[in-house]
Amino acid sequence: MRRFPDTVRKKTRIEIIPMIDVMMFLLVFFVLISLNTISALGLKAKLPISSEAKLDTPPKRVVVSISQNNEILIDKTSFSTLEDFKKYIADLKIKNNKLAVIINGDESAKIQKLVDVMDVLKAEGVDSLTIAAKKQ
């Protein structure tokens, strides 16, 4: 009687590399599909044509700072009087139709200086005004 040697059975292994390849392919596929569908979420409409249509430009952001010694600063340019500040804002308003002003005031600055700056901005027709504060 002939006897064949016992074959040693190897433990089965689950190969993970092909699974990673498939998962990466699916990830790329869904990302590319979602990028193409994001633009299609809105309602498609053919806009009417107007000879008076113009591009809506975003407002220019200006940061006005009021220091401890009640000095007015814009982009490290100091203004000694409110008249100089008013001229500068008027020039900015001419160059940029829309201005969005953020006021950074030191906590020890006088409230009267803040009110003066706000009066100048209102007189020059600034539409958007924000006072910056730190959250407690």
C-alpha atoms as a PDB file:
ATOM      1  CA  MET A   1       0.000   0.000   0.000  1.00  0.00           C
ATOM      2  CA  ARG A   2       1.275   3.242  -1.065  1.00  0.00           C
ATOM      3  CA  ARG A   3       1.021   6.130   1.255  1.00  0.00           C
ATOM      4  CA  PHE A   4       1.188   9.783   0.261  1.00  0.00           C
ATOM      5  CA  PRO A   5       2.750  12.249   2.614  1.00  0.00           C
ATOM      6  CA  ASP A   6       0.340  14.454   4.539  1.00  0.00           C
ATOM      7  CA  THR A   7       0.167  17.886   3.050  1.00  0.00           C
ATOM      8  CA  VAL A   8       0.515  20.653   5.521  1.00  0.00           C
ATOM      9  CA  ARG A   9      -2.315  23.053   5.153  1.00  0.00           C
ATOM     10  CA  LYS A  10      -1.390  26.687   5.381  1.00  0.00           C
ATOM     11  CA  LYS A  11      -3.567  29.050   7.335  1.00  0.00           C
ATOM     12  CA  THR A  12      -5.820  31.067   5.109  1.00  0.00           C
ATOM     13  CA  ARG A  13      -5.044  34.746   4.815  1.00  0.00           C
ATOM     14  CA  ILE A  14      -7.276  37.570   3.835  1.00  0.00           C
ATOM     15  CA  GLU A  15      -5.379  39.810   1.471  1.00  0.00           C
ATOM     16  CA  ILE A  16      -6.061  43.418   2.390  1.00  0.00           C
ATOM     17  CA  ILE A  17      -4.184  45.253  -0.377  1.00  0.00           C
ATOM     18  CA  PRO A  18      -6.757  44.566  -3.139  1.00  0.00           C
ATOM     19  CA  MET A  19      -9.501  45.699  -0.772  1.00  0.00           C
ATOM     20  CA  ILE A  20      -7.635  48.978  -0.158  1.00  0.00           C
ATOM     21  CA  ASP A  21      -7.313  49.466  -3.919  1.00  0.00           C
ATOM     22  CA  VAL A  22     -11.047  48.988  -4.400  1.00  0.00           C
ATOM     23  CA  MET A  23     -11.867  51.368  -1.536  1.00  0.00           C
ATOM     24  CA  MET A  24      -9.566  54.056  -2.968  1.00  0.00           C
ATOM     25  CA  PHE A  25     -11.183  53.650  -6.380  1.00  0.00           C
ATOM     26  CA  LEU A  26     -14.646  54.038  -4.832  1.00  0.00           C
ATOM     27  CA  LEU A  27     -13.543  57.093  -2.860  1.00  0.00           C
ATOM     28  CA  VAL A  28     -12.143  58.810  -5.963  1.00  0.00           C
ATOM     29  CA  PHE A  29     -15.229  57.870  -7.946  1.00  0.00           C
ATOM     30  CA  PHE A  30     -17.644  59.370  -5.396  1.00  0.00           C
ATOM     31  CA  VAL A  31     -15.563  62.527  -4.950  1.00  0.00           C
ATOM     32  CA  LEU A  32     -15.482  63.169  -8.691  1.00  0.00           C
ATOM     33  CA  ILE A  33     -19.202  62.499  -9.039  1.00  0.00           C
ATOM     34  CA  SER A  34     -20.044  64.829  -6.141  1.00  0.00           C
ATOM     35  CA  LEU A  35     -17.893  67.620  -7.623  1.00  0.00           C
ATOM     36  CA  ASN A  36     -19.847  67.443 -10.844  1.00  0.00           C
ATOM     37  CA  THR A  37     -23.234  67.404  -9.118  1.00  0.00           C
ATOM     38  CA  ILE A  38     -22.569  70.333  -6.776  1.00  0.00           C
ATOM     39  CA  SER A  39     -22.901  72.835  -9.613  1.00  0.00           C
ATOM     40  CA  ALA A  40     -26.120  71.162 -10.739  1.00  0.00           C
ATOM     41  CA  LEU A  41     -27.911  71.626  -7.406  1.00  0.00           C
ATOM     42  CA  GLY A  42     -29.415  74.973  -8.391  1.00  0.00           C
ATOM     43  CA  LEU A  43     -32.218  75.532 -10.794  1.00  0.00           C
ATOM     44  CA  LYS A  44     -30.982  76.048 -14.335  1.00  0.00           C
ATOM     45  CA  ALA A  45     -32.283  79.288 -15.726  1.00  0.00           C
ATOM     46  CA  LYS A  46     -31.395  81.362 -18.727  1.00  0.00           C
ATOM     47  CA  LEU A  47     -30.951  84.895 -17.436  1.00  0.00           C
ATOM     48  CA  PRO A  48     -32.504  87.790 -19.290  1.00  0.00           C
ATOM     49  CA  ILE A  49     -30.235  90.241 -21.063  1.00  0.00           C
ATOM     50  CA  SER A  50     -29.988  93.871 -19.958  1.00  0.00           C
ATOM     51  CA  SER A  51     -27.955  96.727 -21.345  1.00  0.00           C
ATOM     52  CA  GLU A  52     -27.705  98.285 -17.867  1.00  0.00           C
ATOM     53  CA  ALA A  53     -26.474  95.157 -16.051  1.00  0.00           C
ATOM     54  CA  LYS A  54     -23.245  95.562 -14.116  1.00  0.00           C
ATOM     55  CA  LEU A  55     -21.024  93.338 -12.048  1.00  0.00           C
ATOM     56  CA  ASP A  56     -21.673  93.379  -8.308  1.00  0.00           C
ATOM     57  CA  THR A  57     -18.307  93.876  -6.619  1.00  0.00           C
ATOM     58  CA  PRO A  58     -17.764  92.916  -2.991  1.00  0.00           C
ATOM     59  CA  PRO A  59     -17.136  95.785  -0.562  1.00  0.00           C
ATOM     60  CA  LYS A  60     -13.570  96.736   0.346  1.00  0.00           C
ATOM     61  CA  ARG A  61     -12.801  95.880   3.962  1.00  0.00           C
ATOM     62  CA  VAL A  62     -11.181  98.654   5.992  1.00  0.00           C
ATOM     63  CA  VAL A  63     -10.017  98.209   9.586  1.00  0.00           C
ATOM     64  CA  VAL A  64     -10.105 101.397  11.667  1.00  0.00           C
ATOM     65  CA  SER A  65      -8.262 101.189  14.989  1.00  0.00           C
ATOM     66  CA  ILE A  66      -8.612 103.517  17.948  1.00  0.00           C
ATOM     67  CA  SER A  67      -5.581 103.269  20.246  1.00  0.00           C
ATOM     68  CA  GLN A  68      -5.259 103.793  24.003  1.00  0.00           C
ATOM     69  CA  ASN A  69      -4.315 107.431  23.534  1.00  0.00           C
ATOM     70  CA  ASN A  70      -7.361 107.990  21.229  1.00  0.00           C
ATOM     71  CA  GLU A  71      -5.342 107.947  18.030  1.00  0.00           C
ATOM     72  CA  ILE A  72      -7.116 106.854  14.817  1.00  0.00           C
ATOM     73  CA  LEU A  73      -5.223 104.365  12.640  1.00  0.00           C
ATOM     74  CA  ILE A  74      -5.968 102.773   9.279  1.00  0.00           C
ATOM     75  CA  ASP A  75      -3.390 100.302   7.935  1.00  0.00           C
ATOM     76  CA  LYS A  76      -0.718 101.787  10.255  1.00  0.00           C
ATOM     77  CA  THR A  77      -1.476 105.276   8.933  1.00  0.00           C
ATOM     78  CA  SER A  78      -2.157 107.611  11.834  1.00  0.00           C
ATOM     79  CA  PHE A  79      -4.628 110.504  11.660  1.00  0.00           C
ATOM     80  CA  SER A  80      -4.171 113.377  14.074  1.00  0.00           C
ATOM     81  CA  THR A  81      -7.492 115.082  13.334  1.00  0.00           C
ATOM     82  CA  LEU A  82     -10.940 113.928  12.322  1.00  0.00           C
ATOM     83  CA  GLU A  83     -10.708 116.120   9.193  1.00  0.00           C
ATOM     84  CA  ASP A  84      -7.713 114.100   7.914  1.00  0.00           C
ATOM     85  CA  PHE A  85      -9.602 110.904   8.686  1.00  0.00           C
ATOM     86  CA  LYS A  86     -12.677 112.228   6.863  1.00  0.00           C
ATOM     87  CA  LYS A  87     -10.617 113.110   3.756  1.00  0.00           C
ATOM     88  CA  TYR A  88      -9.040 109.652   3.730  1.00  0.00           C
ATOM     89  CA  ILE A  89     -12.426 107.916   4.010  1.00  0.00           C
ATOM     90  CA  ALA A  90     -13.860 110.179   1.273  1.00  0.00           C
ATOM     91  CA  ASP A  91     -10.972 109.194  -1.025  1.00  0.00           C
ATOM     92  CA  LEU A  92     -11.541 105.515  -0.256  1.00  0.00           C
ATOM     93  CA  LYS A  93     -15.250 105.911  -0.922  1.00  0.00           C
ATOM     94  CA  ILE A  94     -14.517 107.463  -4.326  1.00  0.00           C
ATOM     95  CA  LYS A  95     -12.118 104.649  -5.283  1.00  0.00           C
ATOM     96  CA  ASN A  96     -14.352 101.877  -3.948  1.00  0.00           C
ATOM     97  CA  ASN A  97     -18.089 102.304  -4.214  1.00  0.00           C
ATOM     98  CA  LYS A  98     -18.765 100.003  -1.251  1.00  0.00           C
ATOM     99  CA  LEU A  99     -16.853 100.011   2.024  1.00  0.00           C
ATOM    100  CA  ALA A 100     -17.165  97.583   4.914  1.00  0.00           C
ATOM    101  CA  VAL A 101     -15.559  99.128   7.993  1.00  0.00           C
ATOM    102  CA  ILE A 102     -14.463  97.201  11.087  1.00  0.00           C
ATOM    103  CA  ILE A 103     -13.633  99.300  14.141  1.00  0.00           C
ATOM    104  CA  ASN A 104     -11.041  97.908  16.543  1.00  0.00           C
ATOM    105  CA  GLY A 105     -11.107 100.034  19.652  1.00  0.00           C
ATOM    106  CA  ASP A 106      -8.898  99.675  22.694  1.00  0.00           C
ATOM    107  CA  GLU A 107     -10.947  99.083  25.846  1.00  0.00           C
ATOM    108  CA  SER A 108      -9.416 102.155  27.478  1.00  0.00           C
ATOM    109  CA  ALA A 109     -10.147 104.481  24.536  1.00  0.00           C
ATOM    110  CA  LYS A 110     -12.735 107.186  25.116  1.00  0.00           C
ATOM    111  CA  ILE A 111     -16.230 106.433  23.890  1.00  0.00           C
ATOM    112  CA  GLN A 112     -16.475 109.937  22.446  1.00  0.00           C
ATOM    113  CA  LYS A 113     -13.700 109.119  19.953  1.00  0.00           C
ATOM    114  CA  LEU A 114     -15.634 106.027  18.846  1.00  0.00           C
ATOM    115  CA  VAL A 115     -18.787 108.078  18.359  1.00  0.00           C
ATOM    116  CA  ASP A 116     -16.818 110.711  16.401  1.00  0.00           C
ATOM    117  CA  VAL A 117     -15.391 108.029  14.085  1.00  0.00           C
ATOM    118  CA  MET A 118     -18.850 106.528  13.578  1.00  0.00           C
ATOM    119  CA  ASP A 119     -20.284 109.985  12.763  1.00  0.00           C
ATOM    120  CA  VAL A 120     -17.607 110.554  10.114  1.00  0.00           C
ATOM    121  CA  LEU A 121     -18.257 107.135   8.572  1.00  0.00           C
ATOM    122  CA  LYS A 122     -22.001 107.750   8.502  1.00  0.00           C
ATOM    123  CA  ALA A 123     -21.551 111.198   6.972  1.00  0.00           C
ATOM    124  CA  GLU A 124     -19.391 109.682   4.210  1.00  0.00           C
ATOM    125  CA  GLY A 125     -22.076 107.111   3.377  1.00  0.00           C
ATOM    126  CA  VAL A 126     -20.420 103.935   4.645  1.00  0.00           C
ATOM    127  CA  ASP A 127     -23.024 101.184   4.442  1.00  0.00           C
ATOM    128  CA  SER A 128     -21.488  98.460   6.593  1.00  0.00           C
ATOM    129  CA  LEU A 129     -19.994  99.137  10.028  1.00  0.00           C
ATOM    130  CA  THR A 130     -18.877  96.559  12.578  1.00  0.00           C
ATOM    131  CA  ILE A 131     -17.339  96.988  16.010  1.00  0.00           C
ATOM    132  CA  ALA A 132     -14.873  94.224  16.852  1.00  0.00           C
ATOM    133  CA  ALA A 133     -14.995  92.633  20.304  1.00  0.00           C
ATOM    134  CA  LYS A 134     -13.367  89.675  22.027  1.00  0.00           C
ATOM    135  CA  LYS A 135     -15.527  86.849  23.341  1.00  0.00           C
ATOM    136  CA  GLN A 136     -15.381  86.278  27.085  1.00  0.00           C
END
